[in-house]
Amino acid sequence: SHPAFQKSIRALKAKAATADGFYHLPGRAKLALDVQKLILPRFGFEPSREGVQAMIGHCSQFINEPEVAILLDSINSRLGMDASACHRFRDMVSSLVEP
């Protein structure tokens, strides 16, 4: 992850409460979308918030694969989440899987 992006994440965290392990971090979604807009179209997703949601929904079907879970945790860690918030996010993604 780019140093300037990480600096921005640290600044957001410095302004926020840590009660939920940074699961919720005001400003993170907007900051991340600036980067995601460049990446999402490469994988067939719209460069928008809806595209992010579609990508998460698509990935949800693979969340029980260890490699996918590790990758998701790595991304979320770079987005400022601690281990408990990463786990909570994985649980949320798992709930999106259609039975």
C-alpha atoms as a PDB file:
ATOM      1  CA  SER A   1       0.000   0.000   0.000  1.00  0.00           C
ATOM      2  CA  HIS A   2       1.306   3.446  -0.896  1.00  0.00           C
ATOM      3  CA  PRO A   3       2.920   5.440   1.968  1.00  0.00           C
ATOM      4  CA  ALA A   4       0.707   8.483   1.335  1.00  0.00           C
ATOM      5  CA  PHE A   5      -2.404   6.307   1.571  1.00  0.00           C
ATOM      6  CA  GLN A   6      -1.177   4.783   4.842  1.00  0.00           C
ATOM      7  CA  LYS A   7      -0.459   8.271   6.184  1.00  0.00           C
ATOM      8  CA  SER A   8      -4.060   9.251   5.394  1.00  0.00           C
ATOM      9  CA  ILE A   9      -5.362   6.108   7.142  1.00  0.00           C
ATOM     10  CA  ARG A  10      -3.266   6.915  10.228  1.00  0.00           C
ATOM     11  CA  ALA A  11      -4.663  10.463  10.246  1.00  0.00           C
ATOM     12  CA  LEU A  12      -8.230   9.123  10.121  1.00  0.00           C
ATOM     13  CA  LYS A  13      -7.467   6.708  12.963  1.00  0.00           C
ATOM     14  CA  ALA A  14      -5.963   9.494  15.064  1.00  0.00           C
ATOM     15  CA  LYS A  15      -9.282  11.364  14.885  1.00  0.00           C
ATOM     16  CA  ALA A  16     -11.458   8.303  15.614  1.00  0.00           C
ATOM     17  CA  ALA A  17     -12.445   6.294  18.664  1.00  0.00           C
ATOM     18  CA  THR A  18     -10.965   2.793  18.854  1.00  0.00           C
ATOM     19  CA  ALA A  19     -13.832   0.999  20.595  1.00  0.00           C
ATOM     20  CA  ASP A  20     -14.586  -1.270  17.627  1.00  0.00           C
ATOM     21  CA  GLY A  21     -11.059  -1.915  16.355  1.00  0.00           C
ATOM     22  CA  PHE A  22     -11.628   0.616  13.578  1.00  0.00           C
ATOM     23  CA  TYR A  23     -14.369  -1.509  12.013  1.00  0.00           C
ATOM     24  CA  HIS A  24     -16.050   1.836  11.448  1.00  0.00           C
ATOM     25  CA  LEU A  25     -13.631   4.578  10.468  1.00  0.00           C
ATOM     26  CA  PRO A  26     -15.131   7.849   9.256  1.00  0.00           C
ATOM     27  CA  GLY A  27     -13.598   8.880   5.941  1.00  0.00           C
ATOM     28  CA  ARG A  28     -12.098   5.473   5.093  1.00  0.00           C
ATOM     29  CA  ALA A  29     -14.697   4.500   2.469  1.00  0.00           C
ATOM     30  CA  LYS A  30     -14.156   7.734   0.534  1.00  0.00           C
ATOM     31  CA  LEU A  31     -10.377   7.444   0.769  1.00  0.00           C
ATOM     32  CA  ALA A  32     -10.423   3.791  -0.338  1.00  0.00           C
ATOM     33  CA  LEU A  33     -12.829   4.490  -3.200  1.00  0.00           C
ATOM     34  CA  ASP A  34     -10.284   6.831  -4.769  1.00  0.00           C
ATOM     35  CA  VAL A  35      -7.988   3.807  -5.186  1.00  0.00           C
ATOM     36  CA  GLN A  36     -10.733   1.241  -5.824  1.00  0.00           C
ATOM     37  CA  LYS A  37     -12.034   3.279  -8.771  1.00  0.00           C
ATOM     38  CA  LEU A  38      -8.771   2.510 -10.560  1.00  0.00           C
ATOM     39  CA  ILE A  39      -8.757  -1.202  -9.737  1.00  0.00           C
ATOM     40  CA  LEU A  40     -12.397  -2.322  -9.906  1.00  0.00           C
ATOM     41  CA  PRO A  41     -12.842  -1.999 -13.709  1.00  0.00           C
ATOM     42  CA  ARG A  42      -9.888  -4.357 -14.260  1.00  0.00           C
ATOM     43  CA  PHE A  43     -12.023  -7.077 -12.672  1.00  0.00           C
ATOM     44  CA  GLY A  44     -15.300  -6.193 -14.341  1.00  0.00           C
ATOM     45  CA  PHE A  45     -16.785  -4.085 -11.553  1.00  0.00           C
ATOM     46  CA  GLU A  46     -18.172  -0.565 -11.815  1.00  0.00           C
ATOM     47  CA  PRO A  47     -15.775   2.114 -10.432  1.00  0.00           C
ATOM     48  CA  SER A  48     -18.216   3.198  -7.717  1.00  0.00           C
ATOM     49  CA  ARG A  49     -19.497   2.384  -4.240  1.00  0.00           C
ATOM     50  CA  GLU A  50     -21.912  -0.047  -5.889  1.00  0.00           C
ATOM     51  CA  GLY A  51     -18.962  -1.698  -7.628  1.00  0.00           C
ATOM     52  CA  VAL A  52     -17.243  -2.148  -4.260  1.00  0.00           C
ATOM     53  CA  GLN A  53     -20.394  -3.774  -2.881  1.00  0.00           C
ATOM     54  CA  ALA A  54     -20.646  -6.035  -5.944  1.00  0.00           C
ATOM     55  CA  MET A  55     -17.006  -7.070  -5.535  1.00  0.00           C
ATOM     56  CA  ILE A  56     -17.532  -7.884  -1.847  1.00  0.00           C
ATOM     57  CA  GLY A  57     -20.641  -9.870  -2.750  1.00  0.00           C
ATOM     58  CA  HIS A  58     -18.716 -11.798  -5.397  1.00  0.00           C
ATOM     59  CA  CYS A  59     -15.851 -12.536  -3.003  1.00  0.00           C
ATOM     60  CA  SER A  60     -18.274 -13.699  -0.302  1.00  0.00           C
ATOM     61  CA  GLN A  61     -18.759 -17.045  -2.039  1.00  0.00           C
ATOM     62  CA  PHE A  62     -15.048 -17.776  -1.517  1.00  0.00           C
ATOM     63  CA  ILE A  63     -14.647 -16.412   2.034  1.00  0.00           C
ATOM     64  CA  ASN A  64     -14.239 -19.890   3.544  1.00  0.00           C
ATOM     65  CA  GLU A  65     -11.145 -20.468   1.413  1.00  0.00           C
ATOM     66  CA  PRO A  66      -8.150 -19.736   3.677  1.00  0.00           C
ATOM     67  CA  GLU A  67      -6.252 -17.866   0.948  1.00  0.00           C
ATOM     68  CA  VAL A  68      -9.206 -15.531   0.352  1.00  0.00           C
ATOM     69  CA  ALA A  69      -9.730 -14.929   4.076  1.00  0.00           C
ATOM     70  CA  ILE A  70      -6.034 -14.113   4.522  1.00  0.00           C
ATOM     71  CA  LEU A  71      -6.078 -11.743   1.552  1.00  0.00           C
ATOM     72  CA  LEU A  72      -9.225 -10.009   2.822  1.00  0.00           C
ATOM     73  CA  ASP A  73      -7.673  -9.578   6.280  1.00  0.00           C
ATOM     74  CA  SER A  74      -4.508  -8.186   4.709  1.00  0.00           C
ATOM     75  CA  ILE A  75      -6.478  -5.621   2.714  1.00  0.00           C
ATOM     76  CA  ASN A  76      -8.585  -4.625   5.710  1.00  0.00           C
ATOM     77  CA  SER A  77      -5.488  -4.328   7.875  1.00  0.00           C
ATOM     78  CA  ARG A  78      -4.064  -1.867   5.337  1.00  0.00           C
ATOM     79  CA  LEU A  79      -7.375  -0.039   5.561  1.00  0.00           C
ATOM     80  CA  GLY A  80      -6.747   0.448   9.270  1.00  0.00           C
ATOM     81  CA  MET A  81      -8.739  -2.390  10.858  1.00  0.00           C
ATOM     82  CA  ASP A  82      -7.293  -4.325  13.776  1.00  0.00           C
ATOM     83  CA  ALA A  83      -7.554  -8.135  13.961  1.00  0.00           C
ATOM     84  CA  SER A  84     -10.942  -8.116  15.715  1.00  0.00           C
ATOM     85  CA  ALA A  85     -12.418  -5.743  13.116  1.00  0.00           C
ATOM     86  CA  CYS A  86     -11.016  -7.905  10.297  1.00  0.00           C
ATOM     87  CA  HIS A  87     -12.712 -10.944  11.833  1.00  0.00           C
ATOM     88  CA  ARG A  88     -15.968  -9.018  12.204  1.00  0.00           C
ATOM     89  CA  PHE A  89     -15.770  -7.978   8.548  1.00  0.00           C
ATOM     90  CA  ARG A  90     -15.183 -11.611   7.468  1.00  0.00           C
ATOM     91  CA  ASP A  91     -18.250 -12.633   9.494  1.00  0.00           C
ATOM     92  CA  MET A  92     -20.288  -9.960   7.707  1.00  0.00           C
ATOM     93  CA  VAL A  93     -19.024 -11.135   4.307  1.00  0.00           C
ATOM     94  CA  SER A  94     -19.841 -14.746   5.229  1.00  0.00           C
ATOM     95  CA  SER A  95     -23.423 -13.698   5.940  1.00  0.00           C
ATOM     96  CA  LEU A  96     -23.752 -12.568   2.308  1.00  0.00           C
ATOM     97  CA  VAL A  97     -23.276 -16.109   0.968  1.00  0.00           C
ATOM     98  CA  GLU A  98     -26.465 -17.424  -0.596  1.00  0.00           C
ATOM     99  CA  PRO A  99     -27.438 -20.857   0.815  1.00  0.00           C
END
